[in-house]
């Protein structure tokens, strides 16, 4: 992933923080988490929650990652799709989330709960 490392990217590989992509043309799909999920859900369950929220259309779309600015959410970049094509935005966000789920299941990455649930 290209971009810059920051203390707010919620994905990590071992002890190394991954980076959010830098792309001025990207939109960010944000999914909210209930605070109680911190203690009751695994990383796999949290990412499955994200997929479910995308399928239920319970997302917000913005020009920047919200997990950089506030807790209890996760933002995913969507590139190359106009803002008015919500169906395509959701599809790309779902595809990316399923990819992250595969990485978590393969034990290559994990969520930094201190970013999502400070």
PDB file of N, CA and C in Angstrom:
ATOM      1  N   UNK A   1       0.833  -1.183   0.000  1.00  0.00           N
ATOM      2  CA  UNK A   1       0.000   0.000   0.000  1.00  0.00           C
ATOM      3  C   UNK A   1       0.875   1.241   0.000  1.00  0.00           C
ATOM      4  N   UNK A   2       0.566   2.183  -0.836  1.00  0.00           N
ATOM      5  CA  UNK A   2       1.307   3.424  -0.815  1.00  0.00           C
ATOM      6  C   UNK A   2       0.666   4.358   0.189  1.00  0.00           C
ATOM      7  N   UNK A   3       1.373   5.377   0.545  1.00  0.00           N
ATOM      8  CA  UNK A   3       0.820   6.339   1.479  1.00  0.00           C
ATOM      9  C   UNK A   3       1.821   6.700   2.536  1.00  0.00           C
ATOM     10  N   UNK A   4       1.325   7.166   3.650  1.00  0.00           N
ATOM     11  CA  UNK A   4       2.214   7.548   4.736  1.00  0.00           C
ATOM     12  C   UNK A   4       1.769   6.869   6.011  1.00  0.00           C
ATOM     13  N   UNK A   5       2.744   6.463   6.791  1.00  0.00           N
ATOM     14  CA  UNK A   5       2.425   5.841   8.068  1.00  0.00           C
ATOM     15  C   UNK A   5       1.860   6.902   8.996  1.00  0.00           C
ATOM     16  N   UNK A   6       0.911   6.524   9.759  1.00  0.00           N
ATOM     17  CA  UNK A   6       0.354   7.426  10.758  1.00  0.00           C
ATOM     18  C   UNK A   6      -0.057   6.588  11.951  1.00  0.00           C
ATOM     19  N   UNK A   7      -0.317   7.258  13.042  1.00  0.00           N
ATOM     20  CA  UNK A   7      -0.760   6.545  14.233  1.00  0.00           C
ATOM     21  C   UNK A   7      -2.218   6.150  14.151  1.00  0.00           C
ATOM     22  N   UNK A   8      -2.873   6.439  13.041  1.00  0.00           N
ATOM     23  CA  UNK A   8      -4.307   6.193  12.982  1.00  0.00           C
ATOM     24  C   UNK A   8      -4.724   5.104  11.999  1.00  0.00           C
ATOM     25  N   UNK A   9      -3.821   4.516  11.255  1.00  0.00           N
ATOM     26  CA  UNK A   9      -4.208   3.410  10.386  1.00  0.00           C
ATOM     27  C   UNK A   9      -4.572   2.223  11.275  1.00  0.00           C
ATOM     28  N   UNK A  10      -5.745   1.644  11.106  1.00  0.00           N
ATOM     29  CA  UNK A  10      -6.183   0.589  12.022  1.00  0.00           C
ATOM     30  C   UNK A  10      -5.647  -0.807  11.704  1.00  0.00           C
ATOM     31  N   UNK A  11      -4.895  -0.967  10.621  1.00  0.00           N
ATOM     32  CA  UNK A  11      -4.379  -2.286  10.266  1.00  0.00           C
ATOM     33  C   UNK A  11      -2.888  -2.379  10.559  1.00  0.00           C
ATOM     34  N   UNK A  12      -2.484  -3.526  11.099  1.00  0.00           N
ATOM     35  CA  UNK A  12      -1.085  -3.761  11.432  1.00  0.00           C
ATOM     36  C   UNK A  12      -0.662  -5.135  10.944  1.00  0.00           C
ATOM     37  N   UNK A  13       0.619  -5.235  10.588  1.00  0.00           N
ATOM     38  CA  UNK A  13       1.239  -6.524  10.271  1.00  0.00           C
ATOM     39  C   UNK A  13       2.281  -6.761  11.349  1.00  0.00           C
ATOM     40  N   UNK A  14       1.975  -7.661  12.270  1.00  0.00           N
ATOM     41  CA  UNK A  14       2.842  -7.838  13.436  1.00  0.00           C
ATOM     42  C   UNK A  14       2.831  -6.564  14.250  1.00  0.00           C
ATOM     43  N   UNK A  15       4.016  -5.998  14.489  1.00  0.00           N
ATOM     44  CA  UNK A  15       4.085  -4.743  15.234  1.00  0.00           C
ATOM     45  C   UNK A  15       4.240  -3.539  14.314  1.00  0.00           C
ATOM     46  N   UNK A  16       4.206  -3.767  12.993  1.00  0.00           N
ATOM     47  CA  UNK A  16       4.353  -2.682  12.024  1.00  0.00           C
ATOM     48  C   UNK A  16       2.992  -2.150  11.582  1.00  0.00           C
ATOM     49  N   UNK A  17       2.830  -0.854  11.726  1.00  0.00           N
ATOM     50  CA  UNK A  17       1.585  -0.219  11.305  1.00  0.00           C
ATOM     51  C   UNK A  17       1.582  -0.089   9.787  1.00  0.00           C
ATOM     52  N   UNK A  18       0.478  -0.499   9.157  1.00  0.00           N
ATOM     53  CA  UNK A  18       0.322  -0.308   7.724  1.00  0.00           C
ATOM     54  C   UNK A  18      -0.042   1.149   7.466  1.00  0.00           C
ATOM     55  N   UNK A  19      -0.109   1.543   6.218  1.00  0.00           N
ATOM     56  CA  UNK A  19      -0.361   2.944   5.910  1.00  0.00           C
ATOM     57  C   UNK A  19      -1.665   3.101   5.146  1.00  0.00           C
ATOM     58  N   UNK A  20      -2.330   4.200   5.383  1.00  0.00           N
ATOM     59  CA  UNK A  20      -3.504   4.564   4.596  1.00  0.00           C
ATOM     60  C   UNK A  20      -3.009   5.092   3.253  1.00  0.00           C
ATOM     61  N   UNK A  21      -3.689   4.772   2.172  1.00  0.00           N
ATOM     62  CA  UNK A  21      -3.250   5.279   0.871  1.00  0.00           C
ATOM     63  C   UNK A  21      -3.456   6.787   0.776  1.00  0.00           C
ATOM     64  N   UNK A  22      -2.555   7.432   0.064  1.00  0.00           N
ATOM     65  CA  UNK A  22      -2.716   8.855  -0.228  1.00  0.00           C
ATOM     66  C   UNK A  22      -3.233   8.960  -1.642  1.00  0.00           C
ATOM     67  N   UNK A  23      -4.446   9.397  -1.794  1.00  0.00           N
ATOM     68  CA  UNK A  23      -5.048   9.552  -3.110  1.00  0.00           C
ATOM     69  C   UNK A  23      -6.141  10.597  -2.998  1.00  0.00           C
ATOM     70  N   UNK A  24      -5.882  11.749  -3.570  1.00  0.00           N
ATOM     71  CA  UNK A  24      -6.856  12.835  -3.483  1.00  0.00           C
ATOM     72  C   UNK A  24      -8.170  12.496  -4.158  1.00  0.00           C
ATOM     73  N   UNK A  25      -8.156  11.504  -5.062  1.00  0.00           N
ATOM     74  CA  UNK A  25      -9.380  11.128  -5.770  1.00  0.00           C
ATOM     75  C   UNK A  25     -10.175  10.059  -5.022  1.00  0.00           C
ATOM     76  N   UNK A  26      -9.612   9.541  -3.937  1.00  0.00           N
ATOM     77  CA  UNK A  26     -10.284   8.473  -3.197  1.00  0.00           C
ATOM     78  C   UNK A  26     -11.438   9.014  -2.370  1.00  0.00           C
ATOM     79  N   UNK A  27     -12.469   8.205  -2.281  1.00  0.00           N
ATOM     80  CA  UNK A  27     -13.530   8.421  -1.315  1.00  0.00           C
ATOM     81  C   UNK A  27     -13.296   7.424  -0.194  1.00  0.00           C
ATOM     82  N   UNK A  28     -13.808   7.722   0.971  1.00  0.00           N
ATOM     83  CA  UNK A  28     -13.647   6.826   2.113  1.00  0.00           C
ATOM     84  C   UNK A  28     -15.017   6.398   2.607  1.00  0.00           C
ATOM     85  N   UNK A  29     -15.219   5.099   2.687  1.00  0.00           N
ATOM     86  CA  UNK A  29     -16.446   4.518   3.214  1.00  0.00           C
ATOM     87  C   UNK A  29     -16.191   4.228   4.691  1.00  0.00           C
ATOM     88  N   UNK A  30     -17.035   4.772   5.543  1.00  0.00           N
ATOM     89  CA  UNK A  30     -16.850   4.627   6.986  1.00  0.00           C
ATOM     90  C   UNK A  30     -17.991   3.840   7.590  1.00  0.00           C
ATOM     91  N   UNK A  31     -17.610   2.932   8.482  1.00  0.00           N
ATOM     92  CA  UNK A  31     -18.561   2.083   9.202  1.00  0.00           C
ATOM     93  C   UNK A  31     -18.344   2.336  10.694  1.00  0.00           C
ATOM     94  N   UNK A  32     -19.432   2.518  11.408  1.00  0.00           N
ATOM     95  CA  UNK A  32     -19.389   2.774  12.853  1.00  0.00           C
ATOM     96  C   UNK A  32     -19.425   1.456  13.637  1.00  0.00           C
ATOM     97  N   UNK A  33     -18.766   1.446  14.791  1.00  0.00           N
ATOM     98  CA  UNK A  33     -18.801   0.307  15.703  1.00  0.00           C
ATOM     99  C   UNK A  33     -19.426   0.719  17.026  1.00  0.00           C
ATOM    100  N   UNK A  34     -20.279  -0.123  17.600  1.00  0.00           N
ATOM    101  CA  UNK A  34     -20.702   0.115  18.986  1.00  0.00           C
ATOM    102  C   UNK A  34     -19.500  -0.101  19.913  1.00  0.00           C
ATOM    103  N   UNK A  35     -19.356   0.720  20.910  1.00  0.00           N
ATOM    104  CA  UNK A  35     -18.205   0.628  21.810  1.00  0.00           C
ATOM    105  C   UNK A  35     -18.091  -0.746  22.467  1.00  0.00           C
ATOM    106  N   UNK A  36     -19.214  -1.368  22.768  1.00  0.00           N
ATOM    107  CA  UNK A  36     -19.213  -2.673  23.441  1.00  0.00           C
ATOM    108  C   UNK A  36     -18.529  -3.763  22.620  1.00  0.00           C
ATOM    109  N   UNK A  37     -18.417  -3.588  21.317  1.00  0.00           N
ATOM    110  CA  UNK A  37     -17.792  -4.611  20.473  1.00  0.00           C
ATOM    111  C   UNK A  37     -16.318  -4.816  20.810  1.00  0.00           C
ATOM    112  N   UNK A  38     -15.697  -3.837  21.434  1.00  0.00           N
ATOM    113  CA  UNK A  38     -14.278  -3.949  21.795  1.00  0.00           C
ATOM    114  C   UNK A  38     -14.024  -5.195  22.635  1.00  0.00           C
ATOM    115  N   UNK A  39     -14.910  -5.453  23.554  1.00  0.00           N
ATOM    116  CA  UNK A  39     -14.712  -6.551  24.496  1.00  0.00           C
ATOM    117  C   UNK A  39     -15.355  -7.857  24.056  1.00  0.00           C
ATOM    118  N   UNK A  40     -16.216  -7.806  23.058  1.00  0.00           N
ATOM    119  CA  UNK A  40     -17.004  -8.991  22.721  1.00  0.00           C
ATOM    120  C   UNK A  40     -16.714  -9.582  21.345  1.00  0.00           C
ATOM    121  N   UNK A  41     -15.891  -8.913  20.522  1.00  0.00           N
ATOM    122  CA  UNK A  41     -15.695  -9.363  19.155  1.00  0.00           C
ATOM    123  C   UNK A  41     -14.210  -9.517  18.807  1.00  0.00           C
ATOM    124  N   UNK A  42     -13.907 -10.564  18.066  1.00  0.00           N
ATOM    125  CA  UNK A  42     -12.560 -10.772  17.536  1.00  0.00           C
ATOM    126  C   UNK A  42     -12.365  -9.875  16.316  1.00  0.00           C
ATOM    127  N   UNK A  43     -11.141  -9.804  15.825  1.00  0.00           N
ATOM    128  CA  UNK A  43     -10.892  -9.045  14.599  1.00  0.00           C
ATOM    129  C   UNK A  43     -11.737  -9.593  13.451  1.00  0.00           C
ATOM    130  N   UNK A  44     -11.819 -10.903  13.347  1.00  0.00           N
ATOM    131  CA  UNK A  44     -12.634 -11.523  12.297  1.00  0.00           C
ATOM    132  C   UNK A  44     -14.094 -11.079  12.414  1.00  0.00           C
ATOM    133  N   UNK A  45     -14.623 -11.085  13.617  1.00  0.00           N
ATOM    134  CA  UNK A  45     -16.011 -10.684  13.816  1.00  0.00           C
ATOM    135  C   UNK A  45     -16.216  -9.196  13.517  1.00  0.00           C
ATOM    136  N   UNK A  46     -15.239  -8.369  13.862  1.00  0.00           N
ATOM    137  CA  UNK A  46     -15.350  -6.942  13.565  1.00  0.00           C
ATOM    138  C   UNK A  46     -15.374  -6.700  12.060  1.00  0.00           C
ATOM    139  N   UNK A  47     -14.522  -7.405  11.324  1.00  0.00           N
ATOM    140  CA  UNK A  47     -14.490  -7.216   9.872  1.00  0.00           C
ATOM    141  C   UNK A  47     -15.761  -7.780   9.237  1.00  0.00           C
ATOM    142  N   UNK A  48     -16.276  -8.881   9.759  1.00  0.00           N
ATOM    143  CA  UNK A  48     -17.567  -9.381   9.278  1.00  0.00           C
ATOM    144  C   UNK A  48     -18.682  -8.371   9.560  1.00  0.00           C
ATOM    145  N   UNK A  49     -18.613  -7.672  10.677  1.00  0.00           N
ATOM    146  CA  UNK A  49     -19.568  -6.605  11.001  1.00  0.00           C
ATOM    147  C   UNK A  49     -19.504  -5.521   9.928  1.00  0.00           C
ATOM    148  N   UNK A  50     -18.290  -5.165   9.512  1.00  0.00           N
ATOM    149  CA  UNK A  50     -18.118  -4.152   8.474  1.00  0.00           C
ATOM    150  C   UNK A  50     -18.825  -4.595   7.192  1.00  0.00           C
ATOM    151  N   UNK A  51     -18.610  -5.848   6.786  1.00  0.00           N
ATOM    152  CA  UNK A  51     -19.285  -6.366   5.580  1.00  0.00           C
ATOM    153  C   UNK A  51     -20.800  -6.260   5.738  1.00  0.00           C
ATOM    154  N   UNK A  52     -21.302  -6.670   6.888  1.00  0.00           N
ATOM    155  CA  UNK A  52     -22.743  -6.623   7.130  1.00  0.00           C
ATOM    156  C   UNK A  52     -23.283  -5.201   7.051  1.00  0.00           C
ATOM    157  N   UNK A  53     -22.557  -4.254   7.621  1.00  0.00           N
ATOM    158  CA  UNK A  53     -23.007  -2.859   7.596  1.00  0.00           C
ATOM    159  C   UNK A  53     -23.001  -2.301   6.173  1.00  0.00           C
ATOM    160  N   UNK A  54     -22.016  -2.711   5.378  1.00  0.00           N
ATOM    161  CA  UNK A  54     -21.983  -2.290   3.973  1.00  0.00           C
ATOM    162  C   UNK A  54     -23.198  -2.845   3.247  1.00  0.00           C
ATOM    163  N   UNK A  55     -23.493  -4.126   3.455  1.00  0.00           N
ATOM    164  CA  UNK A  55     -24.644  -4.742   2.795  1.00  0.00           C
ATOM    165  C   UNK A  55     -25.959  -4.101   3.224  1.00  0.00           C
ATOM    166  N   UNK A  56     -26.018  -3.609   4.451  1.00  0.00           N
ATOM    167  CA  UNK A  56     -27.231  -2.961   4.970  1.00  0.00           C
ATOM    168  C   UNK A  56     -27.285  -1.469   4.635  1.00  0.00           C
ATOM    169  N   UNK A  57     -26.288  -0.983   3.905  1.00  0.00           N
ATOM    170  CA  UNK A  57     -26.203   0.419   3.490  1.00  0.00           C
ATOM    171  C   UNK A  57     -25.997   1.344   4.692  1.00  0.00           C
ATOM    172  N   UNK A  58     -25.412   0.841   5.765  1.00  0.00           N
ATOM    173  CA  UNK A  58     -25.167   1.647   6.962  1.00  0.00           C
ATOM    174  C   UNK A  58     -23.732   2.157   6.939  1.00  0.00           C
ATOM    175  N   UNK A  59     -23.483   3.040   5.980  1.00  0.00           N
ATOM    176  CA  UNK A  59     -22.162   3.596   5.757  1.00  0.00           C
ATOM    177  C   UNK A  59     -22.281   5.101   5.599  1.00  0.00           C
ATOM    178  N   UNK A  60     -21.158   5.766   5.709  1.00  0.00           N
ATOM    179  CA  UNK A  60     -21.066   7.169   5.293  1.00  0.00           C
ATOM    180  C   UNK A  60     -19.891   7.269   4.331  1.00  0.00           C
ATOM    181  N   UNK A  61     -19.971   8.209   3.429  1.00  0.00           N
ATOM    182  CA  UNK A  61     -18.927   8.408   2.430  1.00  0.00           C
ATOM    183  C   UNK A  61     -18.383   9.816   2.595  1.00  0.00           C
ATOM    184  N   UNK A  62     -17.054   9.940   2.651  1.00  0.00           N
ATOM    185  CA  UNK A  62     -16.432  11.249   2.818  1.00  0.00           C
ATOM    186  C   UNK A  62     -15.133  11.316   2.020  1.00  0.00           C
ATOM    187  N   UNK A  63     -14.520  12.479   2.027  1.00  0.00           N
ATOM    188  CA  UNK A  63     -13.293  12.702   1.271  1.00  0.00           C
ATOM    189  C   UNK A  63     -12.040  12.295   2.028  1.00  0.00           C
ATOM    190  N   UNK A  64     -12.171  11.972   3.327  1.00  0.00           N
ATOM    191  CA  UNK A  64     -10.992  11.560   4.097  1.00  0.00           C
ATOM    192  C   UNK A  64     -11.380  10.458   5.075  1.00  0.00           C
ATOM    193  N   UNK A  65     -10.369   9.739   5.506  1.00  0.00           N
ATOM    194  CA  UNK A  65     -10.583   8.632   6.442  1.00  0.00           C
ATOM    195  C   UNK A  65     -11.046   9.181   7.789  1.00  0.00           C
ATOM    196  N   UNK A  66     -12.165   8.677   8.259  1.00  0.00           N
ATOM    197  CA  UNK A  66     -12.704   9.131   9.545  1.00  0.00           C
ATOM    198  C   UNK A  66     -11.982   8.499  10.728  1.00  0.00           C
ATOM    199  N   UNK A  67     -11.399   7.298  10.545  1.00  0.00           N
ATOM    200  CA  UNK A  67     -10.690   6.685  11.672  1.00  0.00           C
ATOM    201  C   UNK A  67      -9.458   7.505  12.066  1.00  0.00           C
ATOM    202  N   UNK A  68      -9.044   8.444  11.207  1.00  0.00           N
ATOM    203  CA  UNK A  68      -7.946   9.363  11.541  1.00  0.00           C
ATOM    204  C   UNK A  68      -8.415  10.477  12.467  1.00  0.00           C
ATOM    205  N   UNK A  69      -9.725  10.699  12.506  1.00  0.00           N
ATOM    206  CA  UNK A  69     -10.259  11.857  13.205  1.00  0.00           C
ATOM    207  C   UNK A  69     -11.093  11.534  14.432  1.00  0.00           C
ATOM    208  N   UNK A  70     -11.611  10.304  14.502  1.00  0.00           N
ATOM    209  CA  UNK A  70     -12.493   9.979  15.629  1.00  0.00           C
ATOM    210  C   UNK A  70     -12.487   8.477  15.881  1.00  0.00           C
ATOM    211  N   UNK A  71     -12.866   8.067  17.078  1.00  0.00           N
ATOM    212  CA  UNK A  71     -12.891   6.639  17.415  1.00  0.00           C
ATOM    213  C   UNK A  71     -14.175   5.949  16.960  1.00  0.00           C
ATOM    214  N   UNK A  72     -14.218   4.648  17.182  1.00  0.00           N
ATOM    215  CA  UNK A  72     -15.394   3.814  16.962  1.00  0.00           C
ATOM    216  C   UNK A  72     -15.821   3.729  15.495  1.00  0.00           C
ATOM    217  N   UNK A  73     -14.847   3.766  14.597  1.00  0.00           N
ATOM    218  CA  UNK A  73     -15.168   3.609  13.188  1.00  0.00           C
ATOM    219  C   UNK A  73     -13.962   3.065  12.431  1.00  0.00           C
ATOM    220  N   UNK A  74     -14.237   2.618  11.235  1.00  0.00           N
ATOM    221  CA  UNK A  74     -13.210   2.136  10.317  1.00  0.00           C
ATOM    222  C   UNK A  74     -13.558   2.682   8.939  1.00  0.00           C
ATOM    223  N   UNK A  75     -12.576   3.262   8.262  1.00  0.00           N
ATOM    224  CA  UNK A  75     -12.787   3.812   6.929  1.00  0.00           C
ATOM    225  C   UNK A  75     -11.980   3.016   5.911  1.00  0.00           C
ATOM    226  N   UNK A  76     -12.590   2.807   4.753  1.00  0.00           N
ATOM    227  CA  UNK A  76     -11.959   2.067   3.661  1.00  0.00           C
ATOM    228  C   UNK A  76     -11.904   2.938   2.421  1.00  0.00           C
ATOM    229  N   UNK A  77     -10.751   2.943   1.717  1.00  0.00           N
ATOM    230  CA  UNK A  77     -10.650   3.784   0.524  1.00  0.00           C
ATOM    231  C   UNK A  77     -11.332   3.149  -0.683  1.00  0.00           C
ATOM    232  N   UNK A  78     -12.006   3.982  -1.445  1.00  0.00           N
ATOM    233  CA  UNK A  78     -12.645   3.573  -2.690  1.00  0.00           C
ATOM    234  C   UNK A  78     -12.143   4.543  -3.754  1.00  0.00           C
ATOM    235  N   UNK A  79     -11.543   4.003  -4.800  1.00  0.00           N
ATOM    236  CA  UNK A  79     -10.894   4.838  -5.804  1.00  0.00           C
ATOM    237  C   UNK A  79     -11.552   4.632  -7.167  1.00  0.00           C
ATOM    238  N   UNK A  80     -11.699   5.721  -7.899  1.00  0.00           N
ATOM    239  CA  UNK A  80     -12.135   5.636  -9.279  1.00  0.00           C
ATOM    240  C   UNK A  80     -13.637   5.523  -9.497  1.00  0.00           C
ATOM    241  N   UNK A  81     -14.414   5.763  -8.467  1.00  0.00           N
ATOM    242  CA  UNK A  81     -15.873   5.679  -8.598  1.00  0.00           C
ATOM    243  C   UNK A  81     -16.466   7.026  -8.182  1.00  0.00           C
ATOM    244  N   UNK A  82     -17.296   7.610  -9.038  1.00  0.00           N
ATOM    245  CA  UNK A  82     -17.927   8.889  -8.674  1.00  0.00           C
ATOM    246  C   UNK A  82     -18.805   8.747  -7.430  1.00  0.00           C
ATOM    247  N   UNK A  83     -18.868   9.807  -6.661  1.00  0.00           N
ATOM    248  CA  UNK A  83     -19.617   9.805  -5.398  1.00  0.00           C
ATOM    249  C   UNK A  83     -21.087   9.447  -5.577  1.00  0.00           C
ATOM    250  N   UNK A  84     -21.663   9.739  -6.732  1.00  0.00           N
ATOM    251  CA  UNK A  84     -23.090   9.475  -6.928  1.00  0.00           C
ATOM    252  C   UNK A  84     -23.381   8.019  -7.310  1.00  0.00           C
ATOM    253  N   UNK A  85     -22.362   7.187  -7.406  1.00  0.00           N
ATOM    254  CA  UNK A  85     -22.556   5.769  -7.733  1.00  0.00           C
ATOM    255  C   UNK A  85     -22.441   4.921  -6.458  1.00  0.00           C
ATOM    256  N   UNK A  86     -23.384   5.144  -5.549  1.00  0.00           N
ATOM    257  CA  UNK A  86     -23.307   4.510  -4.230  1.00  0.00           C
ATOM    258  C   UNK A  86     -23.240   2.984  -4.306  1.00  0.00           C
ATOM    259  N   UNK A  87     -23.976   2.380  -5.228  1.00  0.00           N
ATOM    260  CA  UNK A  87     -23.949   0.918  -5.351  1.00  0.00           C
ATOM    261  C   UNK A  87     -22.536   0.436  -5.660  1.00  0.00           C
ATOM    262  N   UNK A  88     -21.852   1.089  -6.592  1.00  0.00           N
ATOM    263  CA  UNK A  88     -20.483   0.701  -6.944  1.00  0.00           C
ATOM    264  C   UNK A  88     -19.504   0.993  -5.816  1.00  0.00           C
ATOM    265  N   UNK A  89     -19.737   2.077  -5.088  1.00  0.00           N
ATOM    266  CA  UNK A  89     -18.897   2.397  -3.926  1.00  0.00           C
ATOM    267  C   UNK A  89     -19.023   1.287  -2.887  1.00  0.00           C
ATOM    268  N   UNK A  90     -20.249   0.877  -2.595  1.00  0.00           N
ATOM    269  CA  UNK A  90     -20.463  -0.207  -1.619  1.00  0.00           C
ATOM    270  C   UNK A  90     -19.819  -1.504  -2.099  1.00  0.00           C
ATOM    271  N   UNK A  91     -19.969  -1.818  -3.385  1.00  0.00           N
ATOM    272  CA  UNK A  91     -19.378  -3.055  -3.918  1.00  0.00           C
ATOM    273  C   UNK A  91     -17.859  -3.058  -3.756  1.00  0.00           C
ATOM    274  N   UNK A  92     -17.213  -1.931  -4.076  1.00  0.00           N
ATOM    275  CA  UNK A  92     -15.759  -1.882  -3.944  1.00  0.00           C
ATOM    276  C   UNK A  92     -15.343  -1.956  -2.469  1.00  0.00           C
ATOM    277  N   UNK A  93     -16.090  -1.287  -1.595  1.00  0.00           N
ATOM    278  CA  UNK A  93     -15.782  -1.345  -0.160  1.00  0.00           C
ATOM    279  C   UNK A  93     -15.953  -2.770   0.365  1.00  0.00           C
ATOM    280  N   UNK A  94     -16.984  -3.470  -0.083  1.00  0.00           N
ATOM    281  CA  UNK A  94     -17.202  -4.854   0.335  1.00  0.00           C
ATOM    282  C   UNK A  94     -16.061  -5.744  -0.150  1.00  0.00           C
ATOM    283  N   UNK A  95     -15.657  -5.588  -1.391  1.00  0.00           N
ATOM    284  CA  UNK A  95     -14.550  -6.379  -1.935  1.00  0.00           C
ATOM    285  C   UNK A  95     -13.274  -6.148  -1.140  1.00  0.00           C
ATOM    286  N   UNK A  96     -12.976  -4.899  -0.834  1.00  0.00           N
ATOM    287  CA  UNK A  96     -11.781  -4.588  -0.047  1.00  0.00           C
ATOM    288  C   UNK A  96     -11.881  -5.170   1.361  1.00  0.00           C
ATOM    289  N   UNK A  97     -13.044  -5.088   1.962  1.00  0.00           N
ATOM    290  CA  UNK A  97     -13.234  -5.634   3.308  1.00  0.00           C
ATOM    291  C   UNK A  97     -13.036  -7.147   3.315  1.00  0.00           C
ATOM    292  N   UNK A  98     -13.549  -7.823   2.312  1.00  0.00           N
ATOM    293  CA  UNK A  98     -13.356  -9.273   2.226  1.00  0.00           C
ATOM    294  C   UNK A  98     -11.880  -9.621   2.027  1.00  0.00           C
ATOM    295  N   UNK A  99     -11.151  -8.775   1.307  1.00  0.00           N
ATOM    296  CA  UNK A  99      -9.705  -8.996   1.165  1.00  0.00           C
ATOM    297  C   UNK A  99      -9.028  -8.865   2.531  1.00  0.00           C
ATOM    298  N   UNK A 100      -9.380  -7.809   3.286  1.00  0.00           N
ATOM    299  CA  UNK A 100      -8.812  -7.641   4.631  1.00  0.00           C
ATOM    300  C   UNK A 100      -9.171  -8.833   5.524  1.00  0.00           C
ATOM    301  N   UNK A 101     -10.384  -9.327   5.392  1.00  0.00           N
ATOM    302  CA  UNK A 101     -10.792 -10.498   6.170  1.00  0.00           C
ATOM    303  C   UNK A 101      -9.883 -11.684   5.852  1.00  0.00           C
ATOM    304  N   UNK A 102      -9.586 -11.902   4.587  1.00  0.00           N
ATOM    305  CA  UNK A 102      -8.674 -12.974   4.201  1.00  0.00           C
ATOM    306  C   UNK A 102      -7.294 -12.798   4.809  1.00  0.00           C
ATOM    307  N   UNK A 103      -6.819 -11.575   4.858  1.00  0.00           N
ATOM    308  CA  UNK A 103      -5.511 -11.290   5.457  1.00  0.00           C
ATOM    309  C   UNK A 103      -5.528 -11.562   6.967  1.00  0.00           C
ATOM    310  N   UNK A 104      -6.630 -11.223   7.615  1.00  0.00           N
ATOM    311  CA  UNK A 104      -6.772 -11.491   9.053  1.00  0.00           C
ATOM    312  C   UNK A 104      -6.839 -12.991   9.295  1.00  0.00           C
ATOM    313  N   UNK A 105      -7.635 -13.711   8.507  1.00  0.00           N
ATOM    314  CA  UNK A 105      -7.761 -15.164   8.668  1.00  0.00           C
ATOM    315  C   UNK A 105      -6.436 -15.880   8.401  1.00  0.00           C
ATOM    316  N   UNK A 106      -5.620 -15.325   7.512  1.00  0.00           N
ATOM    317  CA  UNK A 106      -4.309 -15.905   7.214  1.00  0.00           C
ATOM    318  C   UNK A 106      -3.263 -15.470   8.241  1.00  0.00           C
ATOM    319  N   UNK A 107      -3.680 -14.696   9.220  1.00  0.00           N
ATOM    320  CA  UNK A 107      -2.814 -14.215  10.294  1.00  0.00           C
ATOM    321  C   UNK A 107      -1.664 -13.343   9.781  1.00  0.00           C
ATOM    322  N   UNK A 108      -1.916 -12.603   8.693  1.00  0.00           N
ATOM    323  CA  UNK A 108      -0.912 -11.680   8.161  1.00  0.00           C
ATOM    324  C   UNK A 108      -1.101 -10.264   8.688  1.00  0.00           C
ATOM    325  N   UNK A 109      -2.332  -9.926   9.063  1.00  0.00           N
ATOM    326  CA  UNK A 109      -2.614  -8.604   9.624  1.00  0.00           C
ATOM    327  C   UNK A 109      -3.578  -8.751  10.793  1.00  0.00           C
ATOM    328  N   UNK A 110      -3.658  -7.707  11.578  1.00  0.00           N
ATOM    329  CA  UNK A 110      -4.646  -7.627  12.649  1.00  0.00           C
ATOM    330  C   UNK A 110      -5.063  -6.172  12.807  1.00  0.00           C
ATOM    331  N   UNK A 111      -6.147  -5.971  13.507  1.00  0.00           N
ATOM    332  CA  UNK A 111      -6.638  -4.628  13.777  1.00  0.00           C
ATOM    333  C   UNK A 111      -5.942  -4.065  15.004  1.00  0.00           C
ATOM    334  N   UNK A 112      -5.640  -2.787  14.954  1.00  0.00           N
ATOM    335  CA  UNK A 112      -5.139  -2.084  16.132  1.00  0.00           C
ATOM    336  C   UNK A 112      -6.348  -1.536  16.872  1.00  0.00           C
ATOM    337  N   UNK A 113      -6.760  -2.232  17.891  1.00  0.00           N
ATOM    338  CA  UNK A 113      -7.948  -1.843  18.642  1.00  0.00           C
ATOM    339  C   UNK A 113      -7.781  -0.508  19.346  1.00  0.00           C
ATOM    340  N   UNK A 114      -6.539  -0.078  19.581  1.00  0.00           N
ATOM    341  CA  UNK A 114      -6.312   1.230  20.200  1.00  0.00           C
ATOM    342  C   UNK A 114      -6.686   2.371  19.273  1.00  0.00           C
ATOM    343  N   UNK A 115      -6.711   2.120  17.956  1.00  0.00           N
ATOM    344  CA  UNK A 115      -7.157   3.137  17.009  1.00  0.00           C
ATOM    345  C   UNK A 115      -8.682   3.173  16.958  1.00  0.00           C
ATOM    346  N   UNK A 116      -9.279   1.988  16.878  1.00  0.00           N
ATOM    347  CA  UNK A 116     -10.739   1.911  16.743  1.00  0.00           C
ATOM    348  C   UNK A 116     -11.447   2.179  18.069  1.00  0.00           C
ATOM    349  N   UNK A 117     -10.909   1.617  19.139  1.00  0.00           N
ATOM    350  CA  UNK A 117     -11.524   1.717  20.465  1.00  0.00           C
ATOM    351  C   UNK A 117     -10.548   2.320  21.458  1.00  0.00           C
ATOM    352  N   UNK A 118     -10.222   3.605  21.333  1.00  0.00           N
ATOM    353  CA  UNK A 118      -9.217   4.195  22.265  1.00  0.00           C
ATOM    354  C   UNK A 118      -9.715   4.287  23.695  1.00  0.00           C
TER     355      UNK A 118
END
